[in-house]
Amino acid sequence: MLKQLALSSAVSLAMVGGVQAADEASGTYAFDKKGNHQFVMFKISHLGYSWLYGRFNEFDGQFKYDAENPANSSVEVSIDTESVDTNHAERDKHIRSDDFLATGEFPEATFKSKRIVMDDDGDEADIIGDLTLHGVTKEITLEAEMIGHGKDPWGGYRMGFEAETELRLADFGIDKDLGPSSKTLEMIISIEGVRQ
């Protein structure tokens, strides 16, 4: 789920653009897996006393950016839920279990955008799309912002963005009771795409 969320957030951000990209920036961008310039992270409260942080190490996706009309952009993401990493092997094993992600049955999370709504200034955008996690598909909104875009030192063209969203675990059929402070999860996605 988290993976899909992360991917969808990233794609949405790319479409939004803090500063709308020039026409030359239009195109299809693949996530930069080779250089690993991408992160899907999350945090959740632990008993209301501290934050527990984690990430998904394996995910992929692409986004299409329309510089002339950013609202026509789109994004698709897939996340390997087995790759969850909270820097604690036993906790990661528990998160993969049926109490949470049930990765044996649901090894992949996905996100596919449906529409993008730009703010009045064109600096940020809401990316609305379907997140499939733990076998449940729900419409979510990613709050996205473009970080930048332009030519890279290797002859390519790149675009980066960051997005975030909040998820209720119960909405995706994850009913494990972690206490009143741990019913929601914050997702943070940072993505760099390479134009194809």
N, C-alpha and C. Protein backbone atom coordinates (compact mmCIF):
# COMPACT_ATOMS: atom_id res chain seq x y z
N MET A 1 0.84 -1.19 0.00
CA MET A 1 0.00 0.00 0.00
C MET A 1 0.87 1.24 0.00
N LEU A 2 1.82 1.22 0.93
CA LEU A 2 2.67 2.38 1.07
C LEU A 2 3.40 2.63 -0.23
N LYS A 3 3.86 1.56 -0.83
CA LYS A 3 4.59 1.71 -2.09
C LYS A 3 3.73 2.39 -3.11
N GLN A 4 2.53 1.87 -3.26
CA GLN A 4 1.66 2.45 -4.27
C GLN A 4 1.41 3.91 -3.96
N LEU A 5 1.19 4.18 -2.66
CA LEU A 5 0.94 5.55 -2.27
C LEU A 5 2.11 6.42 -2.68
N ALA A 6 3.28 5.94 -2.32
CA ALA A 6 4.46 6.70 -2.60
C ALA A 6 4.58 6.97 -4.08
N LEU A 7 4.43 6.00 -4.88
CA LEU A 7 4.56 6.16 -6.32
C LEU A 7 3.55 7.14 -6.84
N SER A 8 2.32 6.99 -6.40
CA SER A 8 1.31 7.89 -6.91
C SER A 8 1.60 9.31 -6.51
N SER A 9 2.08 9.51 -5.28
CA SER A 9 2.40 10.85 -4.82
C SER A 9 3.45 11.46 -5.71
N ALA A 10 4.48 10.71 -5.98
CA ALA A 10 5.59 11.22 -6.76
C ALA A 10 5.12 11.66 -8.13
N VAL A 11 4.36 10.83 -8.76
CA VAL A 11 3.89 11.14 -10.11
C VAL A 11 3.05 12.40 -10.08
N SER A 12 2.19 12.47 -9.09
CA SER A 12 1.32 13.63 -8.99
C SER A 12 2.14 14.90 -8.87
N LEU A 13 3.13 14.87 -8.03
CA LEU A 13 3.97 16.04 -7.81
C LEU A 13 4.59 16.49 -9.11
N ALA A 14 5.12 15.54 -9.85
CA ALA A 14 5.80 15.89 -11.09
C ALA A 14 4.86 16.65 -11.99
N MET A 15 3.62 16.28 -11.97
CA MET A 15 2.67 16.92 -12.86
C MET A 15 2.36 18.34 -12.41
N VAL A 16 2.41 18.52 -11.09
CA VAL A 16 2.01 19.81 -10.55
C VAL A 16 3.00 20.89 -10.89
N GLY A 17 4.18 20.78 -10.35
CA GLY A 17 5.24 21.72 -10.63
C GLY A 17 5.11 23.01 -9.86
N GLY A 18 6.04 23.27 -8.91
CA GLY A 18 6.03 24.50 -8.15
C GLY A 18 6.09 25.66 -9.11
N VAL A 19 6.92 25.54 -10.13
CA VAL A 19 6.97 26.53 -11.21
C VAL A 19 6.66 25.74 -12.46
N GLN A 20 5.66 26.13 -13.17
CA GLN A 20 5.27 25.34 -14.33
C GLN A 20 6.44 25.24 -15.30
N ALA A 21 6.68 24.02 -15.76
CA ALA A 21 7.83 23.76 -16.64
C ALA A 21 7.59 24.34 -18.02
N ALA A 22 8.71 24.62 -18.69
CA ALA A 22 8.63 25.10 -20.07
C ALA A 22 8.14 23.98 -20.96
N ASP A 23 7.71 24.34 -22.18
CA ASP A 23 7.17 23.35 -23.10
C ASP A 23 8.15 22.21 -23.33
N GLU A 24 9.46 22.50 -23.30
CA GLU A 24 10.46 21.46 -23.55
C GLU A 24 10.44 20.37 -22.49
N ALA A 25 9.79 20.62 -21.36
CA ALA A 25 9.77 19.64 -20.28
C ALA A 25 8.70 18.59 -20.46
N SER A 26 7.80 18.75 -21.40
CA SER A 26 6.74 17.76 -21.62
C SER A 26 7.34 16.42 -22.01
N GLY A 27 6.65 15.35 -21.60
CA GLY A 27 7.11 14.01 -21.97
C GLY A 27 6.80 12.99 -20.91
N THR A 28 7.31 11.78 -21.15
CA THR A 28 7.14 10.67 -20.21
C THR A 28 8.43 10.47 -19.44
N TYR A 29 8.32 10.40 -18.13
CA TYR A 29 9.48 10.28 -17.25
C TYR A 29 9.42 8.96 -16.48
N ALA A 30 10.53 8.24 -16.45
CA ALA A 30 10.65 7.02 -15.66
C ALA A 30 11.33 7.35 -14.34
N PHE A 31 10.90 6.72 -13.26
CA PHE A 31 11.55 6.93 -11.97
C PHE A 31 13.01 6.52 -12.09
N ASP A 32 13.87 7.28 -11.44
CA ASP A 32 15.31 7.02 -11.50
C ASP A 32 15.69 5.93 -10.50
N LYS A 33 15.45 4.67 -10.88
CA LYS A 33 15.83 3.54 -10.03
C LYS A 33 17.32 3.29 -10.07
N LYS A 34 17.94 3.52 -11.22
CA LYS A 34 19.37 3.24 -11.38
C LYS A 34 20.20 4.08 -10.43
N GLY A 35 19.89 5.35 -10.36
CA GLY A 35 20.62 6.24 -9.46
C GLY A 35 20.02 6.29 -8.07
N ASN A 36 18.87 5.62 -7.92
CA ASN A 36 18.16 5.57 -6.63
C ASN A 36 17.87 6.96 -6.07
N HIS A 37 17.47 7.87 -6.97
CA HIS A 37 17.08 9.21 -6.53
C HIS A 37 15.57 9.23 -6.28
N GLN A 38 15.13 8.37 -5.39
CA GLN A 38 13.71 8.28 -5.09
C GLN A 38 13.53 7.65 -3.72
N PHE A 39 12.50 8.12 -3.03
CA PHE A 39 12.24 7.63 -1.68
C PHE A 39 10.74 7.60 -1.43
N VAL A 40 10.27 6.48 -0.85
CA VAL A 40 8.89 6.38 -0.38
C VAL A 40 8.99 6.10 1.12
N MET A 41 8.63 7.08 1.90
CA MET A 41 8.81 6.99 3.35
C MET A 41 7.48 7.15 4.07
N PHE A 42 7.46 6.71 5.32
CA PHE A 42 6.25 6.86 6.12
C PHE A 42 6.63 7.06 7.58
N LYS A 43 5.68 7.61 8.34
CA LYS A 43 5.86 7.70 9.78
C LYS A 43 4.51 7.49 10.45
N ILE A 44 4.58 6.88 11.62
CA ILE A 44 3.37 6.59 12.39
C ILE A 44 3.71 6.76 13.86
N SER A 45 2.77 7.21 14.63
CA SER A 45 3.01 7.42 16.05
C SER A 45 3.21 6.10 16.78
N HIS A 46 4.14 6.07 17.72
CA HIS A 46 4.33 4.90 18.59
C HIS A 46 3.86 5.27 19.99
N LEU A 47 2.64 4.81 20.31
CA LEU A 47 2.03 5.02 21.63
C LEU A 47 1.78 6.49 21.96
N GLY A 48 1.95 7.35 20.96
CA GLY A 48 1.79 8.77 21.21
C GLY A 48 3.00 9.41 21.84
N TYR A 49 4.11 8.65 21.95
CA TYR A 49 5.32 9.14 22.61
C TYR A 49 6.44 9.49 21.64
N SER A 50 6.43 8.89 20.46
CA SER A 50 7.49 9.14 19.49
C SER A 50 6.99 8.77 18.10
N TRP A 51 7.83 9.02 17.07
CA TRP A 51 7.50 8.64 15.70
C TRP A 51 8.31 7.43 15.29
N LEU A 52 7.65 6.50 14.62
CA LEU A 52 8.33 5.36 14.00
C LEU A 52 8.41 5.67 12.50
N TYR A 53 9.63 5.62 11.96
CA TYR A 53 9.85 5.92 10.54
C TYR A 53 10.18 4.65 9.76
N GLY A 54 9.80 4.62 8.50
CA GLY A 54 10.14 3.49 7.64
C GLY A 54 10.12 3.91 6.18
N ARG A 55 10.44 2.95 5.32
CA ARG A 55 10.46 3.22 3.89
C ARG A 55 10.25 1.93 3.13
N PHE A 56 9.99 2.07 1.84
CA PHE A 56 9.95 0.94 0.91
C PHE A 56 11.17 1.05 0.01
N ASN A 57 11.97 0.01 0.00
CA ASN A 57 13.22 0.05 -0.75
C ASN A 57 13.05 -0.23 -2.25
N GLU A 58 11.97 -0.92 -2.63
CA GLU A 58 11.77 -1.31 -4.02
C GLU A 58 10.43 -0.79 -4.53
N PHE A 59 10.48 0.13 -5.49
CA PHE A 59 9.26 0.61 -6.15
C PHE A 59 9.64 1.17 -7.50
N ASP A 60 8.66 1.28 -8.38
CA ASP A 60 8.92 1.78 -9.72
C ASP A 60 7.69 2.52 -10.22
N GLY A 61 7.89 3.29 -11.28
CA GLY A 61 6.75 4.01 -11.84
C GLY A 61 7.18 4.98 -12.92
N GLN A 62 6.21 5.68 -13.44
CA GLN A 62 6.47 6.70 -14.45
C GLN A 62 5.37 7.74 -14.39
N PHE A 63 5.69 8.93 -14.91
CA PHE A 63 4.67 9.96 -15.01
C PHE A 63 4.78 10.63 -16.37
N LYS A 64 3.64 11.11 -16.83
CA LYS A 64 3.58 11.88 -18.07
C LYS A 64 3.28 13.33 -17.69
N TYR A 65 4.12 14.24 -18.18
CA TYR A 65 3.96 15.65 -17.83
C TYR A 65 3.59 16.45 -19.07
N ASP A 66 2.51 17.22 -18.95
CA ASP A 66 2.04 18.10 -20.02
C ASP A 66 2.30 19.54 -19.58
N ALA A 67 3.37 20.15 -20.09
CA ALA A 67 3.75 21.49 -19.67
C ALA A 67 2.70 22.53 -20.04
N GLU A 68 2.04 22.34 -21.17
CA GLU A 68 1.04 23.30 -21.62
C GLU A 68 -0.20 23.28 -20.74
N ASN A 69 -0.53 22.08 -20.26
CA ASN A 69 -1.70 21.93 -19.38
C ASN A 69 -1.38 20.86 -18.33
N PRO A 70 -0.73 21.25 -17.22
CA PRO A 70 -0.31 20.28 -16.21
C PRO A 70 -1.44 19.41 -15.67
N ALA A 71 -2.67 19.91 -15.73
CA ALA A 71 -3.80 19.11 -15.23
C ALA A 71 -4.03 17.87 -16.08
N ASN A 72 -3.46 17.83 -17.29
CA ASN A 72 -3.58 16.66 -18.15
C ASN A 72 -2.49 15.62 -17.90
N SER A 73 -1.62 15.87 -16.94
CA SER A 73 -0.55 14.94 -16.62
C SER A 73 -1.11 13.70 -15.91
N SER A 74 -0.26 12.69 -15.77
CA SER A 74 -0.71 11.46 -15.10
C SER A 74 0.48 10.74 -14.49
N VAL A 75 0.16 9.77 -13.61
CA VAL A 75 1.23 9.01 -12.96
C VAL A 75 0.73 7.63 -12.58
N GLU A 76 1.66 6.66 -12.66
CA GLU A 76 1.38 5.29 -12.24
C GLU A 76 2.57 4.79 -11.44
N VAL A 77 2.28 4.08 -10.31
CA VAL A 77 3.34 3.62 -9.43
C VAL A 77 3.02 2.21 -8.93
N SER A 78 4.09 1.43 -8.73
CA SER A 78 3.94 0.10 -8.12
C SER A 78 5.01 -0.06 -7.06
N ILE A 79 4.62 -0.68 -5.93
CA ILE A 79 5.54 -0.83 -4.79
C ILE A 79 5.60 -2.29 -4.37
N ASP A 80 6.81 -2.75 -4.12
CA ASP A 80 7.03 -4.10 -3.59
C ASP A 80 6.88 -4.02 -2.08
N THR A 81 5.75 -4.51 -1.55
CA THR A 81 5.49 -4.37 -0.12
C THR A 81 6.45 -5.18 0.74
N GLU A 82 7.05 -6.22 0.16
CA GLU A 82 8.05 -7.01 0.90
C GLU A 82 9.27 -6.18 1.25
N SER A 83 9.50 -5.08 0.55
CA SER A 83 10.71 -4.30 0.73
C SER A 83 10.60 -3.28 1.87
N VAL A 84 9.55 -3.39 2.69
CA VAL A 84 9.40 -2.46 3.81
C VAL A 84 10.62 -2.56 4.73
N ASP A 85 11.08 -1.40 5.22
CA ASP A 85 12.30 -1.34 6.01
C ASP A 85 12.15 -0.27 7.09
N THR A 86 12.11 -0.71 8.35
CA THR A 86 12.02 0.22 9.48
C THR A 86 13.27 0.15 10.35
N ASN A 87 14.34 -0.44 9.81
CA ASN A 87 15.61 -0.55 10.52
C ASN A 87 15.51 -1.47 11.73
N HIS A 88 14.60 -2.46 11.67
CA HIS A 88 14.44 -3.42 12.77
C HIS A 88 13.84 -4.70 12.17
N ALA A 89 14.65 -5.75 12.05
CA ALA A 89 14.26 -6.96 11.31
C ALA A 89 12.98 -7.60 11.85
N GLU A 90 12.86 -7.71 13.16
CA GLU A 90 11.67 -8.37 13.73
C GLU A 90 10.41 -7.54 13.50
N ARG A 91 10.53 -6.22 13.61
CA ARG A 91 9.38 -5.35 13.34
C ARG A 91 8.99 -5.44 11.87
N ASP A 92 9.97 -5.46 10.97
CA ASP A 92 9.68 -5.57 9.55
C ASP A 92 8.95 -6.88 9.25
N LYS A 93 9.37 -7.95 9.89
CA LYS A 93 8.71 -9.24 9.71
C LYS A 93 7.26 -9.16 10.15
N HIS A 94 7.00 -8.46 11.26
CA HIS A 94 5.63 -8.30 11.74
C HIS A 94 4.80 -7.46 10.78
N ILE A 95 5.40 -6.40 10.24
CA ILE A 95 4.67 -5.55 9.30
C ILE A 95 4.30 -6.32 8.04
N ARG A 96 5.15 -7.27 7.63
CA ARG A 96 4.85 -8.09 6.45
C ARG A 96 3.77 -9.14 6.71
N SER A 97 3.48 -9.39 7.97
CA SER A 97 2.55 -10.46 8.35
C SER A 97 1.10 -10.08 8.08
N ASP A 98 0.18 -11.02 8.35
CA ASP A 98 -1.24 -10.78 8.13
C ASP A 98 -1.81 -9.70 9.05
N ASP A 99 -1.09 -9.34 10.11
CA ASP A 99 -1.55 -8.26 10.99
C ASP A 99 -1.55 -6.92 10.27
N PHE A 100 -0.68 -6.79 9.26
CA PHE A 100 -0.54 -5.50 8.59
C PHE A 100 -0.61 -5.64 7.06
N LEU A 101 0.52 -5.74 6.38
CA LEU A 101 0.53 -5.70 4.91
C LEU A 101 0.18 -7.02 4.25
N ALA A 102 0.31 -8.14 4.97
CA ALA A 102 0.01 -9.46 4.39
C ALA A 102 0.68 -9.61 3.03
N THR A 103 1.99 -9.43 3.01
CA THR A 103 2.72 -9.40 1.74
C THR A 103 2.69 -10.71 0.98
N GLY A 104 2.46 -11.84 1.68
CA GLY A 104 2.34 -13.11 0.98
C GLY A 104 1.16 -13.13 0.04
N GLU A 105 0.07 -12.49 0.45
CA GLU A 105 -1.16 -12.42 -0.37
C GLU A 105 -1.19 -11.17 -1.23
N PHE A 106 -0.62 -10.08 -0.73
CA PHE A 106 -0.66 -8.79 -1.44
C PHE A 106 0.76 -8.25 -1.58
N PRO A 107 1.55 -8.81 -2.50
CA PRO A 107 2.96 -8.42 -2.62
C PRO A 107 3.19 -7.07 -3.29
N GLU A 108 2.14 -6.47 -3.81
CA GLU A 108 2.31 -5.21 -4.53
C GLU A 108 1.22 -4.22 -4.16
N ALA A 109 1.62 -2.97 -4.06
CA ALA A 109 0.67 -1.86 -3.90
C ALA A 109 0.81 -0.97 -5.15
N THR A 110 -0.28 -0.36 -5.55
CA THR A 110 -0.23 0.45 -6.77
C THR A 110 -1.02 1.75 -6.60
N PHE A 111 -0.62 2.70 -7.42
CA PHE A 111 -1.36 3.97 -7.47
C PHE A 111 -1.50 4.38 -8.93
N LYS A 112 -2.69 4.84 -9.30
CA LYS A 112 -2.94 5.34 -10.65
C LYS A 112 -3.77 6.61 -10.55
N SER A 113 -3.21 7.70 -11.07
CA SER A 113 -3.92 8.98 -10.97
C SER A 113 -5.16 9.00 -11.86
N LYS A 114 -6.16 9.80 -11.43
CA LYS A 114 -7.39 9.97 -12.20
C LYS A 114 -7.57 11.42 -12.66
N ARG A 115 -7.13 12.34 -11.82
CA ARG A 115 -7.22 13.76 -12.19
C ARG A 115 -6.27 14.57 -11.31
N ILE A 116 -5.91 15.75 -11.84
CA ILE A 116 -5.00 16.64 -11.12
C ILE A 116 -5.65 18.01 -11.03
N VAL A 117 -5.65 18.56 -9.82
CA VAL A 117 -6.27 19.86 -9.60
C VAL A 117 -5.19 20.83 -9.15
N MET A 118 -4.89 21.83 -10.00
CA MET A 118 -3.86 22.82 -9.68
C MET A 118 -4.43 23.88 -8.73
N ASP A 119 -3.56 24.44 -7.87
CA ASP A 119 -3.99 25.54 -7.03
C ASP A 119 -4.03 26.83 -7.85
N ASP A 120 -4.56 27.89 -7.27
CA ASP A 120 -4.76 29.14 -8.01
C ASP A 120 -3.44 29.73 -8.52
N ASP A 121 -2.37 29.53 -7.76
CA ASP A 121 -1.07 30.09 -8.16
C ASP A 121 -0.29 29.17 -9.09
N GLY A 122 -0.74 27.93 -9.25
CA GLY A 122 -0.03 26.98 -10.10
C GLY A 122 1.23 26.45 -9.46
N ASP A 123 1.40 26.68 -8.16
CA ASP A 123 2.61 26.24 -7.47
C ASP A 123 2.49 24.82 -6.92
N GLU A 124 1.30 24.42 -6.58
CA GLU A 124 1.07 23.10 -6.00
C GLU A 124 -0.15 22.49 -6.64
N ALA A 125 -0.32 21.17 -6.40
CA ALA A 125 -1.46 20.50 -7.00
C ALA A 125 -1.91 19.34 -6.12
N ASP A 126 -3.18 19.01 -6.23
CA ASP A 126 -3.71 17.79 -5.63
C ASP A 126 -3.78 16.74 -6.72
N ILE A 127 -3.17 15.61 -6.46
CA ILE A 127 -3.23 14.49 -7.41
C ILE A 127 -4.20 13.47 -6.83
N ILE A 128 -5.30 13.29 -7.50
CA ILE A 128 -6.33 12.37 -7.03
C ILE A 128 -6.25 11.09 -7.84
N GLY A 129 -6.25 9.96 -7.14
CA GLY A 129 -6.16 8.69 -7.84
C GLY A 129 -6.49 7.52 -6.95
N ASP A 130 -6.42 6.33 -7.52
CA ASP A 130 -6.76 5.10 -6.79
C ASP A 130 -5.50 4.44 -6.26
N LEU A 131 -5.50 4.22 -4.94
CA LEU A 131 -4.43 3.47 -4.29
C LEU A 131 -4.98 2.09 -3.95
N THR A 132 -4.25 1.07 -4.38
CA THR A 132 -4.61 -0.30 -4.03
C THR A 132 -3.58 -0.82 -3.05
N LEU A 133 -4.05 -1.14 -1.86
CA LEU A 133 -3.17 -1.59 -0.78
C LEU A 133 -3.89 -2.65 0.03
N HIS A 134 -3.18 -3.72 0.33
CA HIS A 134 -3.77 -4.78 1.15
C HIS A 134 -5.06 -5.30 0.51
N GLY A 135 -5.09 -5.29 -0.82
CA GLY A 135 -6.25 -5.80 -1.54
C GLY A 135 -7.44 -4.87 -1.59
N VAL A 136 -7.28 -3.66 -1.09
CA VAL A 136 -8.38 -2.68 -1.05
C VAL A 136 -7.99 -1.49 -1.93
N THR A 137 -8.93 -1.03 -2.76
CA THR A 137 -8.70 0.14 -3.61
C THR A 137 -9.52 1.31 -3.10
N LYS A 138 -8.84 2.42 -2.82
CA LYS A 138 -9.51 3.62 -2.32
C LYS A 138 -8.96 4.84 -3.06
N GLU A 139 -9.82 5.82 -3.25
CA GLU A 139 -9.37 7.08 -3.83
C GLU A 139 -8.65 7.89 -2.75
N ILE A 140 -7.46 8.39 -3.09
CA ILE A 140 -6.70 9.22 -2.16
C ILE A 140 -6.27 10.50 -2.88
N THR A 141 -5.81 11.46 -2.09
CA THR A 141 -5.31 12.72 -2.64
C THR A 141 -3.87 12.94 -2.18
N LEU A 142 -2.98 13.18 -3.14
CA LEU A 142 -1.60 13.49 -2.85
C LEU A 142 -1.39 15.00 -3.00
N GLU A 143 -0.83 15.60 -1.98
CA GLU A 143 -0.51 17.02 -2.05
C GLU A 143 0.92 17.13 -2.58
N ALA A 144 1.07 17.67 -3.80
CA ALA A 144 2.35 17.61 -4.49
C ALA A 144 2.92 19.00 -4.81
N GLU A 145 4.24 19.00 -4.91
CA GLU A 145 4.95 20.22 -5.26
C GLU A 145 6.17 19.86 -6.10
N MET A 146 6.36 20.57 -7.21
CA MET A 146 7.53 20.31 -8.05
C MET A 146 8.76 20.95 -7.41
N ILE A 147 9.86 20.19 -7.37
CA ILE A 147 11.10 20.70 -6.81
C ILE A 147 11.92 21.41 -7.89
N GLY A 148 11.98 20.82 -9.09
CA GLY A 148 12.73 21.43 -10.17
C GLY A 148 12.81 20.52 -11.38
N HIS A 149 13.38 21.05 -12.49
CA HIS A 149 13.53 20.27 -13.71
C HIS A 149 14.60 20.90 -14.58
N GLY A 150 15.18 20.09 -15.47
CA GLY A 150 16.18 20.61 -16.38
C GLY A 150 17.13 19.54 -16.86
N LYS A 151 18.12 19.95 -17.63
CA LYS A 151 19.09 19.01 -18.20
C LYS A 151 20.03 18.51 -17.10
N ASP A 152 20.47 17.24 -17.24
CA ASP A 152 21.43 16.69 -16.30
C ASP A 152 22.81 16.60 -16.96
N PRO A 153 23.87 16.26 -16.22
CA PRO A 153 25.23 16.21 -16.78
C PRO A 153 25.47 15.09 -17.78
N TRP A 154 24.49 14.18 -17.95
CA TRP A 154 24.69 13.01 -18.81
C TRP A 154 23.88 13.09 -20.09
N GLY A 155 23.37 14.27 -20.40
CA GLY A 155 22.64 14.46 -21.65
C GLY A 155 21.16 14.19 -21.55
N GLY A 156 20.67 13.96 -20.37
CA GLY A 156 19.25 13.68 -20.19
C GLY A 156 18.50 14.89 -19.63
N TYR A 157 17.21 14.68 -19.39
CA TYR A 157 16.37 15.74 -18.83
C TYR A 157 15.62 15.14 -17.65
N ARG A 158 15.63 15.84 -16.51
CA ARG A 158 15.07 15.31 -15.28
C ARG A 158 14.04 16.26 -14.67
N MET A 159 13.15 15.67 -13.88
CA MET A 159 12.16 16.45 -13.15
C MET A 159 11.95 15.79 -11.80
N GLY A 160 11.90 16.61 -10.74
CA GLY A 160 11.73 16.06 -9.40
C GLY A 160 10.60 16.73 -8.65
N PHE A 161 10.01 15.99 -7.71
CA PHE A 161 8.89 16.53 -6.96
C PHE A 161 8.77 15.80 -5.62
N GLU A 162 7.98 16.37 -4.75
CA GLU A 162 7.73 15.75 -3.45
C GLU A 162 6.24 15.84 -3.17
N ALA A 163 5.73 14.79 -2.50
CA ALA A 163 4.30 14.76 -2.20
C ALA A 163 4.07 14.09 -0.86
N GLU A 164 2.90 14.33 -0.30
CA GLU A 164 2.55 13.68 0.95
C GLU A 164 1.06 13.44 1.02
N THR A 165 0.69 12.47 1.84
CA THR A 165 -0.71 12.16 2.07
C THR A 165 -0.83 11.49 3.42
N GLU A 166 -2.04 11.39 3.91
CA GLU A 166 -2.31 10.71 5.18
C GLU A 166 -3.31 9.59 4.93
N LEU A 167 -3.03 8.41 5.48
CA LEU A 167 -3.89 7.25 5.27
C LEU A 167 -4.42 6.72 6.60
N ARG A 168 -5.69 6.34 6.61
CA ARG A 168 -6.26 5.63 7.75
C ARG A 168 -6.08 4.14 7.49
N LEU A 169 -5.38 3.44 8.38
CA LEU A 169 -5.10 2.02 8.19
C LEU A 169 -6.39 1.22 8.01
N ALA A 170 -7.42 1.54 8.79
CA ALA A 170 -8.67 0.79 8.72
C ALA A 170 -9.34 0.90 7.35
N ASP A 171 -9.10 2.01 6.64
CA ASP A 171 -9.69 2.18 5.32
C ASP A 171 -9.19 1.13 4.33
N PHE A 172 -8.01 0.56 4.62
CA PHE A 172 -7.42 -0.44 3.75
C PHE A 172 -7.44 -1.83 4.39
N GLY A 173 -8.36 -2.02 5.31
CA GLY A 173 -8.56 -3.35 5.91
C GLY A 173 -7.47 -3.77 6.87
N ILE A 174 -6.68 -2.83 7.36
CA ILE A 174 -5.65 -3.14 8.36
C ILE A 174 -6.22 -2.76 9.72
N ASP A 175 -6.68 -3.76 10.45
CA ASP A 175 -7.46 -3.52 11.67
C ASP A 175 -6.69 -3.72 12.96
N LYS A 176 -5.41 -4.03 12.87
CA LYS A 176 -4.61 -4.24 14.07
C LYS A 176 -4.67 -2.99 14.94
N ASP A 177 -5.04 -3.17 16.21
CA ASP A 177 -5.20 -2.03 17.12
C ASP A 177 -3.85 -1.63 17.70
N LEU A 178 -3.36 -0.48 17.28
CA LEU A 178 -2.08 0.04 17.78
C LEU A 178 -2.29 1.19 18.76
N GLY A 179 -3.53 1.42 19.14
CA GLY A 179 -3.84 2.51 20.05
C GLY A 179 -4.39 3.72 19.31
N PRO A 180 -5.04 4.62 20.04
CA PRO A 180 -5.73 5.77 19.40
C PRO A 180 -4.81 6.71 18.65
N SER A 181 -3.54 6.77 19.00
CA SER A 181 -2.63 7.71 18.33
C SER A 181 -2.03 7.15 17.04
N SER A 182 -2.33 5.86 16.74
CA SER A 182 -1.67 5.20 15.61
C SER A 182 -2.65 4.69 14.56
N LYS A 183 -3.75 5.39 14.41
CA LYS A 183 -4.76 4.97 13.44
C LYS A 183 -4.47 5.50 12.04
N THR A 184 -3.62 6.52 11.95
CA THR A 184 -3.29 7.11 10.65
C THR A 184 -1.79 7.04 10.41
N LEU A 185 -1.43 7.05 9.15
CA LEU A 185 -0.04 6.96 8.71
C LEU A 185 0.24 8.10 7.75
N GLU A 186 1.36 8.77 7.92
CA GLU A 186 1.75 9.85 7.02
C GLU A 186 2.76 9.32 6.01
N MET A 187 2.48 9.55 4.72
CA MET A 187 3.37 9.13 3.65
C MET A 187 4.08 10.35 3.05
N ILE A 188 5.37 10.18 2.80
CA ILE A 188 6.17 11.24 2.19
C ILE A 188 6.91 10.64 1.00
N ILE A 189 6.73 11.22 -0.17
CA ILE A 189 7.32 10.67 -1.39
C ILE A 189 8.19 11.72 -2.07
N SER A 190 9.41 11.32 -2.37
CA SER A 190 10.35 12.20 -3.08
C SER A 190 10.85 11.46 -4.31
N ILE A 191 10.60 12.01 -5.50
CA ILE A 191 10.87 11.30 -6.74
C ILE A 191 11.62 12.18 -7.73
N GLU A 192 12.56 11.53 -8.46
CA GLU A 192 13.25 12.17 -9.57
C GLU A 192 13.02 11.31 -10.80
N GLY A 193 12.47 11.90 -11.86
CA GLY A 193 12.19 11.16 -13.07
C GLY A 193 13.13 11.56 -14.20
N VAL A 194 13.45 10.58 -15.06
CA VAL A 194 14.30 10.81 -16.22
C VAL A 194 13.43 10.70 -17.47
N ARG A 195 13.43 11.75 -18.30
CA ARG A 195 12.58 11.72 -19.50
C ARG A 195 13.06 10.66 -20.47
N GLN A 196 12.10 9.93 -21.02
CA GLN A 196 12.42 8.83 -21.92
C GLN A 196 12.45 9.27 -23.37
